[in-house]
Amino acid sequence: DTGFGYIKAQRDEHGQVYAVERFTEKPDLASAERFLKEGDYYWNSGMFVWRASAILAEIERHLPAVHRIVQTVISESRSAGTFQQAIEKHFSAMPSISIDYGVLEKSDRVSLIPCDIGWNDVGSWQAVHEISAKDENGNALQGNVIAVDCKNSLIRAEKRLVAAIGVENLCVVETADAVLISKSDQTQRVREVVDALHERGATEHIYHTKVNRPWGSYTVLEEDPEGFKLKRIEVAPGARLSLQSHAQRSEHWVVVSGTATVTNGDEVITVRRNQSTYIPIGAKHRLENLGDEPLHIVEIQVGDYLGEDDIQRYEDNYGR
């Protein structure tokens, strides 16, 4: 399998712990076949055992930029009392590199213990297909799916009806965010799609349809280039959003369930189920849930720019 990392070990016939000679992350098929024939290679399961002091020392040695950010996060989370805030503040500055590439491949302090435990990384949709229950034609179907004369395919629907006719060896995954269609043996290449989105300047690989926040979550139901966005917002009991304003959009809020306490300029009002309020462009506003049940509202944004970065915060319980 080319979806796994491989470890070459220095075998000791009298011991159970082997020194690691080198790592090879996701080799090509010819190399993977050669590794299996040589017999001194093992799959990298990603299961690590270390003392915190040992791995931090190796991170400082091999990834000093990461180590500095980690220390900053630790320091700020102690003083502010919340780890999540510090992570959200500094995570984007982290170099994009795995622990395997950044530390383990460079360290001379790594040992390996072989084990045969029926482990599978399930790191690709092909692996999901392999472990899933299948019909008589080898199809793994999940959700609202109709498969006609299909064979050896994974078809998964989370939101919409997915119908397939006469396909073989395909992976089809439908979510609220996107639809993936791939040959079963090429699902590892999904990273190329992410790279292409990045190069295009798109945001689909950054922002999901449902976004979790410290106060609850929001789900984008529809967004139109004509200048409106429709959201479903859930605010947890006792939580509130920041006191904020937007320079390029207005907002219309309709309460679906629960009771909202709304700050709109100098006014603080209560908005109940089946009631609404309007937030003009530039107005300082805040949404709060002082009740014991989740608050659900529908928000309609209207404006020339609807990006999440059009926000100015004046007060925030979460240190943003």
C-alpha atoms as a PDB file:
ATOM      1  CA  ASP A   1       0.000   0.000   0.000  1.00  0.00           C
ATOM      2  CA  THR A   2       1.489   3.346  -1.057  1.00  0.00           C
ATOM      3  CA  GLY A   3      -0.738   5.248   1.357  1.00  0.00           C
ATOM      4  CA  PHE A   4       1.386   4.282   4.358  1.00  0.00           C
ATOM      5  CA  GLY A   5       4.769   5.444   5.558  1.00  0.00           C
ATOM      6  CA  TYR A   6       7.461   2.758   5.775  1.00  0.00           C
ATOM      7  CA  ILE A   7      10.199   2.325   8.376  1.00  0.00           C
ATOM      8  CA  LYS A   8      13.421   0.430   7.754  1.00  0.00           C
ATOM      9  CA  ALA A   9      14.658  -1.141  10.974  1.00  0.00           C
ATOM     10  CA  GLN A  10      18.018  -2.580  12.001  1.00  0.00           C
ATOM     11  CA  ARG A  11      16.951  -6.037  13.091  1.00  0.00           C
ATOM     12  CA  ASP A  12      18.284  -7.594  16.250  1.00  0.00           C
ATOM     13  CA  GLU A  13      17.602 -11.327  16.283  1.00  0.00           C
ATOM     14  CA  HIS A  14      17.816 -11.406  20.084  1.00  0.00           C
ATOM     15  CA  GLY A  15      15.699  -8.393  20.901  1.00  0.00           C
ATOM     16  CA  GLN A  16      12.185  -6.996  20.384  1.00  0.00           C
ATOM     17  CA  VAL A  17      13.166  -3.350  20.030  1.00  0.00           C
ATOM     18  CA  TYR A  18      14.906  -2.318  16.793  1.00  0.00           C
ATOM     19  CA  ALA A  19      16.850   0.824  15.983  1.00  0.00           C
ATOM     20  CA  VAL A  20      15.310   2.814  13.135  1.00  0.00           C
ATOM     21  CA  GLU A  21      17.508   3.243  10.073  1.00  0.00           C
ATOM     22  CA  ARG A  22      15.211   5.503   8.028  1.00  0.00           C
ATOM     23  CA  PHE A  23      11.648   6.545   7.228  1.00  0.00           C
ATOM     24  CA  THR A  24      10.073   6.617   3.770  1.00  0.00           C
ATOM     25  CA  GLU A  25       6.751   8.452   3.625  1.00  0.00           C
ATOM     26  CA  LYS A  26       4.216   7.173   1.065  1.00  0.00           C
ATOM     27  CA  PRO A  27       6.584   5.599  -1.507  1.00  0.00           C
ATOM     28  CA  ASP A  28       5.644   4.831  -5.108  1.00  0.00           C
ATOM     29  CA  LEU A  29       4.307   1.354  -5.919  1.00  0.00           C
ATOM     30  CA  ALA A  30       7.622  -0.068  -7.154  1.00  0.00           C
ATOM     31  CA  SER A  31       9.418   1.037  -3.990  1.00  0.00           C
ATOM     32  CA  ALA A  32       6.671  -0.347  -1.736  1.00  0.00           C
ATOM     33  CA  GLU A  33       6.880  -3.731  -3.463  1.00  0.00           C
ATOM     34  CA  ARG A  34      10.680  -3.719  -3.063  1.00  0.00           C
ATOM     35  CA  PHE A  35      10.381  -2.876   0.630  1.00  0.00           C
ATOM     36  CA  LEU A  36       8.104  -5.873   1.198  1.00  0.00           C
ATOM     37  CA  LYS A  37      10.541  -8.215  -0.594  1.00  0.00           C
ATOM     38  CA  GLU A  38      13.531  -6.991   1.424  1.00  0.00           C
ATOM     39  CA  GLY A  39      11.706  -7.742   4.652  1.00  0.00           C
ATOM     40  CA  ASP A  40      13.351  -5.154   6.923  1.00  0.00           C
ATOM     41  CA  TYR A  41      10.547  -2.607   6.461  1.00  0.00           C
ATOM     42  CA  TYR A  42       7.477  -1.997   8.591  1.00  0.00           C
ATOM     43  CA  TRP A  43       4.398   0.160   8.192  1.00  0.00           C
ATOM     44  CA  ASN A  44       4.475   3.369  10.176  1.00  0.00           C
ATOM     45  CA  SER A  45       1.312   3.075  12.260  1.00  0.00           C
ATOM     46  CA  GLY A  46       1.638   6.565  13.690  1.00  0.00           C
ATOM     47  CA  MET A  47       1.457   5.168  17.240  1.00  0.00           C
ATOM     48  CA  PHE A  48       4.169   6.869  19.256  1.00  0.00           C
ATOM     49  CA  VAL A  49       5.250   6.556  22.894  1.00  0.00           C
ATOM     50  CA  TRP A  50       7.488   9.255  24.335  1.00  0.00           C
ATOM     51  CA  ARG A  51       8.052  11.418  27.357  1.00  0.00           C
ATOM     52  CA  ALA A  52       6.785  14.958  26.850  1.00  0.00           C
ATOM     53  CA  SER A  53      10.255  16.277  27.653  1.00  0.00           C
ATOM     54  CA  ALA A  54      11.847  14.007  25.008  1.00  0.00           C
ATOM     55  CA  ILE A  55       9.585  14.975  22.112  1.00  0.00           C
ATOM     56  CA  LEU A  56       9.712  18.675  23.014  1.00  0.00           C
ATOM     57  CA  ALA A  57      13.506  18.484  22.989  1.00  0.00           C
ATOM     58  CA  GLU A  58      13.459  16.886  19.524  1.00  0.00           C
ATOM     59  CA  ILE A  59      10.967  19.466  18.242  1.00  0.00           C
ATOM     60  CA  GLU A  60      13.213  22.242  19.543  1.00  0.00           C
ATOM     61  CA  ARG A  61      16.197  20.595  17.827  1.00  0.00           C
ATOM     62  CA  HIS A  62      14.629  19.871  14.438  1.00  0.00           C
ATOM     63  CA  LEU A  63      11.668  22.296  14.222  1.00  0.00           C
ATOM     64  CA  PRO A  64      12.698  25.377  16.194  1.00  0.00           C
ATOM     65  CA  ALA A  65      10.002  27.559  14.603  1.00  0.00           C
ATOM     66  CA  VAL A  66       7.290  25.134  15.743  1.00  0.00           C
ATOM     67  CA  HIS A  67       8.846  24.911  19.195  1.00  0.00           C
ATOM     68  CA  ARG A  68       8.751  28.696  19.624  1.00  0.00           C
ATOM     69  CA  ILE A  69       5.057  28.814  18.719  1.00  0.00           C
ATOM     70  CA  VAL A  70       4.263  25.872  21.015  1.00  0.00           C
ATOM     71  CA  GLN A  71       5.960  27.649  23.915  1.00  0.00           C
ATOM     72  CA  THR A  72       4.014  30.813  23.133  1.00  0.00           C
ATOM     73  CA  VAL A  73       0.725  28.888  23.112  1.00  0.00           C
ATOM     74  CA  ILE A  74       1.581  27.232  26.444  1.00  0.00           C
ATOM     75  CA  SER A  75       2.520  30.554  27.993  1.00  0.00           C
ATOM     76  CA  GLU A  76      -0.563  32.396  26.783  1.00  0.00           C
ATOM     77  CA  SER A  77      -2.959  29.590  27.708  1.00  0.00           C
ATOM     78  CA  ARG A  78      -1.632  29.662  31.268  1.00  0.00           C
ATOM     79  CA  SER A  79      -2.100  33.395  31.626  1.00  0.00           C
ATOM     80  CA  ALA A  80      -5.415  33.627  29.770  1.00  0.00           C
ATOM     81  CA  GLY A  81      -6.795  30.395  31.165  1.00  0.00           C
ATOM     82  CA  THR A  82      -7.864  28.974  27.832  1.00  0.00           C
ATOM     83  CA  PHE A  83      -5.877  26.790  25.459  1.00  0.00           C
ATOM     84  CA  GLN A  84      -8.368  27.119  22.581  1.00  0.00           C
ATOM     85  CA  GLN A  85      -7.914  30.875  22.296  1.00  0.00           C
ATOM     86  CA  ALA A  86      -4.139  30.604  22.087  1.00  0.00           C
ATOM     87  CA  ILE A  87      -4.328  27.839  19.471  1.00  0.00           C
ATOM     88  CA  GLU A  88      -6.719  29.826  17.267  1.00  0.00           C
ATOM     89  CA  LYS A  89      -4.467  32.881  17.536  1.00  0.00           C
ATOM     90  CA  HIS A  90      -1.179  31.200  16.574  1.00  0.00           C
ATOM     91  CA  PHE A  91      -1.998  28.042  14.602  1.00  0.00           C
ATOM     92  CA  SER A  92      -1.894  29.721  11.167  1.00  0.00           C
ATOM     93  CA  ALA A  93       1.747  30.696  11.803  1.00  0.00           C
ATOM     94  CA  MET A  94       2.763  27.050  12.254  1.00  0.00           C
ATOM     95  CA  PRO A  95       4.817  25.526   9.405  1.00  0.00           C
ATOM     96  CA  SER A  96       2.752  22.952   7.505  1.00  0.00           C
ATOM     97  CA  ILE A  97       4.757  19.811   8.281  1.00  0.00           C
ATOM     98  CA  SER A  98       3.950  16.473   9.902  1.00  0.00           C
ATOM     99  CA  ILE A  99       5.698  15.078  12.969  1.00  0.00           C
ATOM    100  CA  ASP A 100       7.019  12.282  10.715  1.00  0.00           C
ATOM    101  CA  TYR A 101       8.730  14.621   8.241  1.00  0.00           C
ATOM    102  CA  GLY A 102       9.729  17.277  10.729  1.00  0.00           C
ATOM    103  CA  VAL A 103      11.098  15.209  13.595  1.00  0.00           C
ATOM    104  CA  LEU A 104      11.063  11.417  13.272  1.00  0.00           C
ATOM    105  CA  GLU A 105      12.871  11.254   9.919  1.00  0.00           C
ATOM    106  CA  LYS A 106      15.642  13.459  11.318  1.00  0.00           C
ATOM    107  CA  SER A 107      15.960  12.151  14.862  1.00  0.00           C
ATOM    108  CA  ASP A 108      18.625   9.630  15.929  1.00  0.00           C
ATOM    109  CA  ARG A 109      16.664   8.719  19.073  1.00  0.00           C
ATOM    110  CA  VAL A 110      13.893   6.601  17.481  1.00  0.00           C
ATOM    111  CA  SER A 111      13.323   2.878  18.064  1.00  0.00           C
ATOM    112  CA  LEU A 112      10.674   0.515  16.714  1.00  0.00           C
ATOM    113  CA  ILE A 113       8.704  -2.356  18.249  1.00  0.00           C
ATOM    114  CA  PRO A 114       7.054  -4.552  15.574  1.00  0.00           C
ATOM    115  CA  CYS A 115       3.496  -5.714  16.246  1.00  0.00           C
ATOM    116  CA  ASP A 116       0.823  -7.578  14.276  1.00  0.00           C
ATOM    117  CA  ILE A 117      -2.540  -6.348  15.581  1.00  0.00           C
ATOM    118  CA  GLY A 118      -4.674  -6.241  12.443  1.00  0.00           C
ATOM    119  CA  TRP A 119      -4.170  -2.492  12.269  1.00  0.00           C
ATOM    120  CA  ASN A 120      -5.308  -0.399   9.313  1.00  0.00           C
ATOM    121  CA  ASP A 121      -4.702   3.327   9.025  1.00  0.00           C
ATOM    122  CA  VAL A 122      -7.946   3.967   7.079  1.00  0.00           C
ATOM    123  CA  GLY A 123      -6.152   6.960   5.610  1.00  0.00           C
ATOM    124  CA  SER A 124      -7.929   6.983   2.258  1.00  0.00           C
ATOM    125  CA  TRP A 125     -11.394   6.407   0.817  1.00  0.00           C
ATOM    126  CA  GLN A 126     -10.081   3.208  -0.747  1.00  0.00           C
ATOM    127  CA  ALA A 127      -9.263   1.962   2.761  1.00  0.00           C
ATOM    128  CA  VAL A 128     -12.778   2.960   3.902  1.00  0.00           C
ATOM    129  CA  HIS A 129     -14.201   0.872   1.056  1.00  0.00           C
ATOM    130  CA  GLU A 130     -12.082  -2.110   2.063  1.00  0.00           C
ATOM    131  CA  ILE A 131     -13.358  -2.196   5.655  1.00  0.00           C
ATOM    132  CA  SER A 132     -16.991  -1.310   4.884  1.00  0.00           C
ATOM    133  CA  ALA A 133     -19.911  -3.721   4.539  1.00  0.00           C
ATOM    134  CA  LYS A 134     -20.628  -4.372   0.860  1.00  0.00           C
ATOM    135  CA  ASP A 135     -23.489  -5.620  -1.262  1.00  0.00           C
ATOM    136  CA  GLU A 136     -23.314  -8.605  -3.619  1.00  0.00           C
ATOM    137  CA  ASN A 137     -21.557  -6.465  -6.257  1.00  0.00           C
ATOM    138  CA  GLY A 138     -18.819  -5.234  -3.932  1.00  0.00           C
ATOM    139  CA  ASN A 139     -20.350  -1.785  -3.442  1.00  0.00           C
ATOM    140  CA  ALA A 140     -20.150   0.046  -0.114  1.00  0.00           C
ATOM    141  CA  LEU A 141     -23.192   2.322  -0.028  1.00  0.00           C
ATOM    142  CA  GLN A 142     -24.029   4.835   2.674  1.00  0.00           C
ATOM    143  CA  GLY A 143     -26.792   7.407   2.886  1.00  0.00           C
ATOM    144  CA  ASN A 144     -29.437   8.211   0.274  1.00  0.00           C
ATOM    145  CA  VAL A 145     -27.823   6.264  -2.593  1.00  0.00           C
ATOM    146  CA  ILE A 146     -29.224   4.465  -5.630  1.00  0.00           C
ATOM    147  CA  ALA A 147     -26.697   2.240  -7.428  1.00  0.00           C
ATOM    148  CA  VAL A 148     -27.774   0.569 -10.698  1.00  0.00           C
ATOM    149  CA  ASP A 149     -25.410  -2.007 -12.237  1.00  0.00           C
ATOM    150  CA  CYS A 150     -22.459  -0.674 -10.230  1.00  0.00           C
ATOM    151  CA  LYS A 151     -19.499  -2.762  -9.049  1.00  0.00           C
ATOM    152  CA  ASN A 152     -16.708  -2.433  -6.495  1.00  0.00           C
ATOM    153  CA  SER A 153     -17.482   1.196  -5.694  1.00  0.00           C
ATOM    154  CA  LEU A 154     -17.771   3.350  -2.596  1.00  0.00           C
ATOM    155  CA  ILE A 155     -20.733   5.736  -2.837  1.00  0.00           C
ATOM    156  CA  ARG A 156     -21.479   7.888   0.190  1.00  0.00           C
ATOM    157  CA  ALA A 157     -24.167  10.581   0.452  1.00  0.00           C
ATOM    158  CA  GLU A 158     -24.494  12.875   3.467  1.00  0.00           C
ATOM    159  CA  LYS A 159     -26.962  15.519   2.275  1.00  0.00           C
ATOM    160  CA  ARG A 160     -28.410  14.805  -1.160  1.00  0.00           C
ATOM    161  CA  LEU A 161     -29.571  11.850  -3.208  1.00  0.00           C
ATOM    162  CA  VAL A 162     -26.654  10.330  -5.150  1.00  0.00           C
ATOM    163  CA  ALA A 163     -27.540   8.066  -8.098  1.00  0.00           C
ATOM    164  CA  ALA A 164     -24.921   6.063 -10.027  1.00  0.00           C
ATOM    165  CA  ILE A 165     -25.436   3.885 -13.109  1.00  0.00           C
ATOM    166  CA  GLY A 166     -23.002   1.379 -14.559  1.00  0.00           C
ATOM    167  CA  VAL A 167     -19.858   2.562 -12.779  1.00  0.00           C
ATOM    168  CA  GLU A 168     -17.023   0.365 -11.547  1.00  0.00           C
ATOM    169  CA  ASN A 169     -14.131   0.940  -9.157  1.00  0.00           C
ATOM    170  CA  LEU A 170     -15.189   4.482  -8.310  1.00  0.00           C
ATOM    171  CA  CYS A 171     -15.223   6.499  -5.117  1.00  0.00           C
ATOM    172  CA  VAL A 172     -18.065   9.024  -4.850  1.00  0.00           C
ATOM    173  CA  VAL A 173     -18.360  11.058  -1.640  1.00  0.00           C
ATOM    174  CA  GLU A 174     -21.001  13.779  -1.298  1.00  0.00           C
ATOM    175  CA  THR A 175     -20.981  16.157   1.673  1.00  0.00           C
ATOM    176  CA  ALA A 176     -22.456  19.567   2.397  1.00  0.00           C
ATOM    177  CA  ASP A 177     -19.120  21.102   1.374  1.00  0.00           C
ATOM    178  CA  ALA A 178     -18.197  19.313  -1.858  1.00  0.00           C
ATOM    179  CA  VAL A 179     -18.445  16.190  -4.024  1.00  0.00           C
ATOM    180  CA  LEU A 180     -15.435  13.947  -4.665  1.00  0.00           C
ATOM    181  CA  ILE A 181     -15.356  11.564  -7.642  1.00  0.00           C
ATOM    182  CA  SER A 182     -12.242   9.458  -8.073  1.00  0.00           C
ATOM    183  CA  LYS A 183     -11.000   6.136  -9.328  1.00  0.00           C
ATOM    184  CA  SER A 184     -10.751   3.882  -6.294  1.00  0.00           C
ATOM    185  CA  ASP A 185      -6.984   3.448  -6.610  1.00  0.00           C
ATOM    186  CA  GLN A 186      -6.314   7.203  -6.861  1.00  0.00           C
ATOM    187  CA  THR A 187      -8.073   8.564  -3.775  1.00  0.00           C
ATOM    188  CA  GLN A 188      -4.687   9.333  -2.200  1.00  0.00           C
ATOM    189  CA  ARG A 189      -4.387  12.198  -4.695  1.00  0.00           C
ATOM    190  CA  VAL A 190      -7.040  14.275  -2.918  1.00  0.00           C
ATOM    191  CA  ARG A 191      -4.218  16.501  -1.625  1.00  0.00           C
ATOM    192  CA  GLU A 192      -3.713  17.649  -5.225  1.00  0.00           C
ATOM    193  CA  VAL A 193      -7.253  19.005  -5.164  1.00  0.00           C
ATOM    194  CA  VAL A 194      -6.478  20.961  -2.003  1.00  0.00           C
ATOM    195  CA  ASP A 195      -3.321  22.351  -3.634  1.00  0.00           C
ATOM    196  CA  ALA A 196      -5.325  23.351  -6.722  1.00  0.00           C
ATOM    197  CA  LEU A 197      -7.895  25.175  -4.578  1.00  0.00           C
ATOM    198  CA  HIS A 198      -5.087  27.015  -2.811  1.00  0.00           C
ATOM    199  CA  GLU A 199      -3.502  28.064  -6.109  1.00  0.00           C
ATOM    200  CA  ARG A 200      -6.889  29.258  -7.384  1.00  0.00           C
ATOM    201  CA  GLY A 201      -7.357  31.426  -4.308  1.00  0.00           C
ATOM    202  CA  ALA A 202     -10.512  29.526  -3.357  1.00  0.00           C
ATOM    203  CA  THR A 203     -11.719  29.123   0.240  1.00  0.00           C
ATOM    204  CA  GLU A 204     -13.554  25.788   0.119  1.00  0.00           C
ATOM    205  CA  HIS A 205     -10.565  24.000   1.677  1.00  0.00           C
ATOM    206  CA  ILE A 206     -10.475  26.538   4.531  1.00  0.00           C
ATOM    207  CA  TYR A 207     -14.103  27.274   5.431  1.00  0.00           C
ATOM    208  CA  HIS A 208     -16.590  24.463   5.919  1.00  0.00           C
ATOM    209  CA  THR A 209     -20.328  24.789   5.543  1.00  0.00           C
ATOM    210  CA  LYS A 210     -20.647  24.250   9.305  1.00  0.00           C
ATOM    211  CA  VAL A 211     -18.184  26.197  11.427  1.00  0.00           C
ATOM    212  CA  ASN A 212     -17.777  25.670  15.161  1.00  0.00           C
ATOM    213  CA  ARG A 213     -17.167  28.686  17.376  1.00  0.00           C
ATOM    214  CA  PRO A 214     -16.546  29.052  21.147  1.00  0.00           C
ATOM    215  CA  TRP A 215     -20.138  30.251  21.548  1.00  0.00           C
ATOM    216  CA  GLY A 216     -21.768  27.566  19.349  1.00  0.00           C
ATOM    217  CA  SER A 217     -21.777  27.156  15.565  1.00  0.00           C
ATOM    218  CA  TYR A 218     -23.052  28.493  12.275  1.00  0.00           C
ATOM    219  CA  THR A 219     -23.984  26.714   9.048  1.00  0.00           C
ATOM    220  CA  VAL A 220     -23.981  28.421   5.663  1.00  0.00           C
ATOM    221  CA  LEU A 221     -27.227  27.410   3.954  1.00  0.00           C
ATOM    222  CA  GLU A 222     -26.812  29.460   0.775  1.00  0.00           C
ATOM    223  CA  GLU A 223     -24.491  32.102  -0.640  1.00  0.00           C
ATOM    224  CA  ASP A 224     -25.215  34.043  -3.806  1.00  0.00           C
ATOM    225  CA  PRO A 225     -22.885  36.235  -5.894  1.00  0.00           C
ATOM    226  CA  GLU A 226     -25.665  38.831  -6.063  1.00  0.00           C
ATOM    227  CA  GLY A 227     -24.726  39.775  -2.522  1.00  0.00           C
ATOM    228  CA  PHE A 228     -26.537  37.724   0.103  1.00  0.00           C
ATOM    229  CA  LYS A 229     -25.657  34.871   2.449  1.00  0.00           C
ATOM    230  CA  LEU A 230     -28.056  32.729   4.458  1.00  0.00           C
ATOM    231  CA  LYS A 231     -26.890  31.161   7.745  1.00  0.00           C
ATOM    232  CA  ARG A 232     -28.317  29.011  10.519  1.00  0.00           C
ATOM    233  CA  ILE A 233     -26.777  30.072  13.850  1.00  0.00           C
ATOM    234  CA  GLU A 234     -26.832  28.130  17.106  1.00  0.00           C
ATOM    235  CA  VAL A 235     -25.786  29.830  20.356  1.00  0.00           C
ATOM    236  CA  ALA A 236     -25.166  27.626  23.386  1.00  0.00           C
ATOM    237  CA  PRO A 237     -26.984  28.372  26.665  1.00  0.00           C
ATOM    238  CA  GLY A 238     -25.238  31.169  28.548  1.00  0.00           C
ATOM    239  CA  ALA A 239     -23.013  32.063  25.590  1.00  0.00           C
ATOM    240  CA  ARG A 240     -22.740  35.261  23.599  1.00  0.00           C
ATOM    241  CA  LEU A 241     -20.984  36.512  20.496  1.00  0.00           C
ATOM    242  CA  SER A 242     -18.560  39.416  20.564  1.00  0.00           C
ATOM    243  CA  LEU A 243     -19.723  43.023  20.470  1.00  0.00           C
ATOM    244  CA  GLN A 244     -18.945  43.727  16.817  1.00  0.00           C
ATOM    245  CA  SER A 245     -19.713  45.663  13.658  1.00  0.00           C
ATOM    246  CA  HIS A 246     -19.451  45.090   9.915  1.00  0.00           C
ATOM    247  CA  ALA A 247     -18.391  47.713   7.393  1.00  0.00           C
ATOM    248  CA  GLN A 248     -19.916  46.174   4.263  1.00  0.00           C
ATOM    249  CA  ARG A 249     -23.019  44.221   5.224  1.00  0.00           C
ATOM    250  CA  SER A 250     -26.285  44.408   7.097  1.00  0.00           C
ATOM    251  CA  GLU A 251     -27.879  41.459   8.900  1.00  0.00           C
ATOM    252  CA  HIS A 252     -31.461  40.314   9.427  1.00  0.00           C
ATOM    253  CA  TRP A 253     -32.051  37.885  12.317  1.00  0.00           C
ATOM    254  CA  VAL A 254     -35.114  35.660  12.740  1.00  0.00           C
ATOM    255  CA  VAL A 255     -35.406  33.596  15.930  1.00  0.00           C
ATOM    256  CA  VAL A 256     -36.449  29.999  15.227  1.00  0.00           C
ATOM    257  CA  SER A 257     -36.217  28.631  18.773  1.00  0.00           C
ATOM    258  CA  GLY A 258     -35.088  29.970  22.121  1.00  0.00           C
ATOM    259  CA  THR A 259     -34.909  33.604  23.195  1.00  0.00           C
ATOM    260  CA  ALA A 260     -32.283  36.057  21.965  1.00  0.00           C
ATOM    261  CA  THR A 261     -30.918  39.053  23.815  1.00  0.00           C
ATOM    262  CA  VAL A 262     -29.772  41.497  21.119  1.00  0.00           C
ATOM    263  CA  THR A 263     -27.587  44.554  21.481  1.00  0.00           C
ATOM    264  CA  ASN A 264     -28.198  46.866  18.511  1.00  0.00           C
ATOM    265  CA  GLY A 265     -26.423  50.188  18.862  1.00  0.00           C
ATOM    266  CA  ASP A 266     -27.471  51.709  22.191  1.00  0.00           C
ATOM    267  CA  GLU A 267     -30.542  49.470  22.466  1.00  0.00           C
ATOM    268  CA  VAL A 268     -30.798  46.039  24.147  1.00  0.00           C
ATOM    269  CA  ILE A 269     -33.925  44.069  23.183  1.00  0.00           C
ATOM    270  CA  THR A 270     -35.376  40.592  23.636  1.00  0.00           C
ATOM    271  CA  VAL A 271     -36.311  38.706  20.472  1.00  0.00           C
ATOM    272  CA  ARG A 272     -38.446  35.569  20.830  1.00  0.00           C
ATOM    273  CA  ARG A 273     -39.475  32.745  18.509  1.00  0.00           C
ATOM    274  CA  ASN A 274     -40.992  33.950  15.223  1.00  0.00           C
ATOM    275  CA  GLN A 275     -39.745  37.496  15.849  1.00  0.00           C
ATOM    276  CA  SER A 276     -36.970  39.316  13.979  1.00  0.00           C
ATOM    277  CA  THR A 277     -34.594  42.265  14.119  1.00  0.00           C
ATOM    278  CA  TYR A 278     -32.427  44.221  11.687  1.00  0.00           C
ATOM    279  CA  ILE A 279     -28.755  45.146  12.141  1.00  0.00           C
ATOM    280  CA  PRO A 280     -27.720  48.061   9.867  1.00  0.00           C
ATOM    281  CA  ILE A 281     -24.270  48.343   8.263  1.00  0.00           C
ATOM    282  CA  GLY A 282     -21.743  49.686  10.767  1.00  0.00           C
ATOM    283  CA  ALA A 283     -23.952  49.206  13.847  1.00  0.00           C
ATOM    284  CA  LYS A 284     -22.343  47.781  16.977  1.00  0.00           C
ATOM    285  CA  HIS A 285     -24.274  44.645  17.838  1.00  0.00           C
ATOM    286  CA  ARG A 286     -24.188  41.459  19.874  1.00  0.00           C
ATOM    287  CA  LEU A 287     -26.222  38.247  20.088  1.00  0.00           C
ATOM    288  CA  GLU A 288     -26.637  36.538  23.477  1.00  0.00           C
ATOM    289  CA  ASN A 289     -28.419  33.470  24.804  1.00  0.00           C
ATOM    290  CA  LEU A 290     -29.326  34.015  28.448  1.00  0.00           C
ATOM    291  CA  GLY A 291     -31.634  30.988  28.489  1.00  0.00           C
ATOM    292  CA  ASP A 292     -31.171  27.342  29.440  1.00  0.00           C
ATOM    293  CA  GLU A 293     -31.825  25.973  25.936  1.00  0.00           C
ATOM    294  CA  PRO A 294     -29.883  26.430  22.681  1.00  0.00           C
ATOM    295  CA  LEU A 295     -30.798  29.507  20.683  1.00  0.00           C
ATOM    296  CA  HIS A 296     -31.383  28.996  16.951  1.00  0.00           C
ATOM    297  CA  ILE A 297     -31.678  31.881  14.530  1.00  0.00           C
ATOM    298  CA  VAL A 298     -31.659  32.335  10.769  1.00  0.00           C
ATOM    299  CA  GLU A 299     -29.400  35.145   9.592  1.00  0.00           C
ATOM    300  CA  ILE A 300     -29.623  36.862   6.202  1.00  0.00           C
ATOM    301  CA  GLN A 301     -26.586  38.932   5.288  1.00  0.00           C
ATOM    302  CA  VAL A 302     -26.846  41.523   2.509  1.00  0.00           C
ATOM    303  CA  GLY A 303     -23.924  43.533   1.178  1.00  0.00           C
ATOM    304  CA  ASP A 304     -21.219  43.998  -1.435  1.00  0.00           C
ATOM    305  CA  TYR A 305     -18.720  41.884   0.558  1.00  0.00           C
ATOM    306  CA  LEU A 306     -19.691  38.998   2.830  1.00  0.00           C
ATOM    307  CA  GLY A 307     -16.301  37.634   3.926  1.00  0.00           C
ATOM    308  CA  GLU A 308     -15.803  36.478   7.510  1.00  0.00           C
ATOM    309  CA  ASP A 309     -12.948  38.974   7.882  1.00  0.00           C
ATOM    310  CA  ASP A 310     -15.351  41.939   7.633  1.00  0.00           C
ATOM    311  CA  ILE A 311     -15.611  42.242  11.393  1.00  0.00           C
ATOM    312  CA  GLN A 312     -14.430  44.642  14.061  1.00  0.00           C
ATOM    313  CA  ARG A 313     -14.634  43.376  17.627  1.00  0.00           C
ATOM    314  CA  TYR A 314     -15.006  45.719  20.607  1.00  0.00           C
ATOM    315  CA  GLU A 315     -15.594  43.187  23.406  1.00  0.00           C
ATOM    316  CA  ASP A 316     -15.174  39.418  23.335  1.00  0.00           C
ATOM    317  CA  ASN A 317     -15.459  36.764  26.042  1.00  0.00           C
ATOM    318  CA  TYR A 318     -13.031  34.515  24.162  1.00  0.00           C
ATOM    319  CA  GLY A 319     -10.065  36.836  23.720  1.00  0.00           C
ATOM    320  CA  ARG A 320     -10.275  37.096  19.936  1.00  0.00           C
END
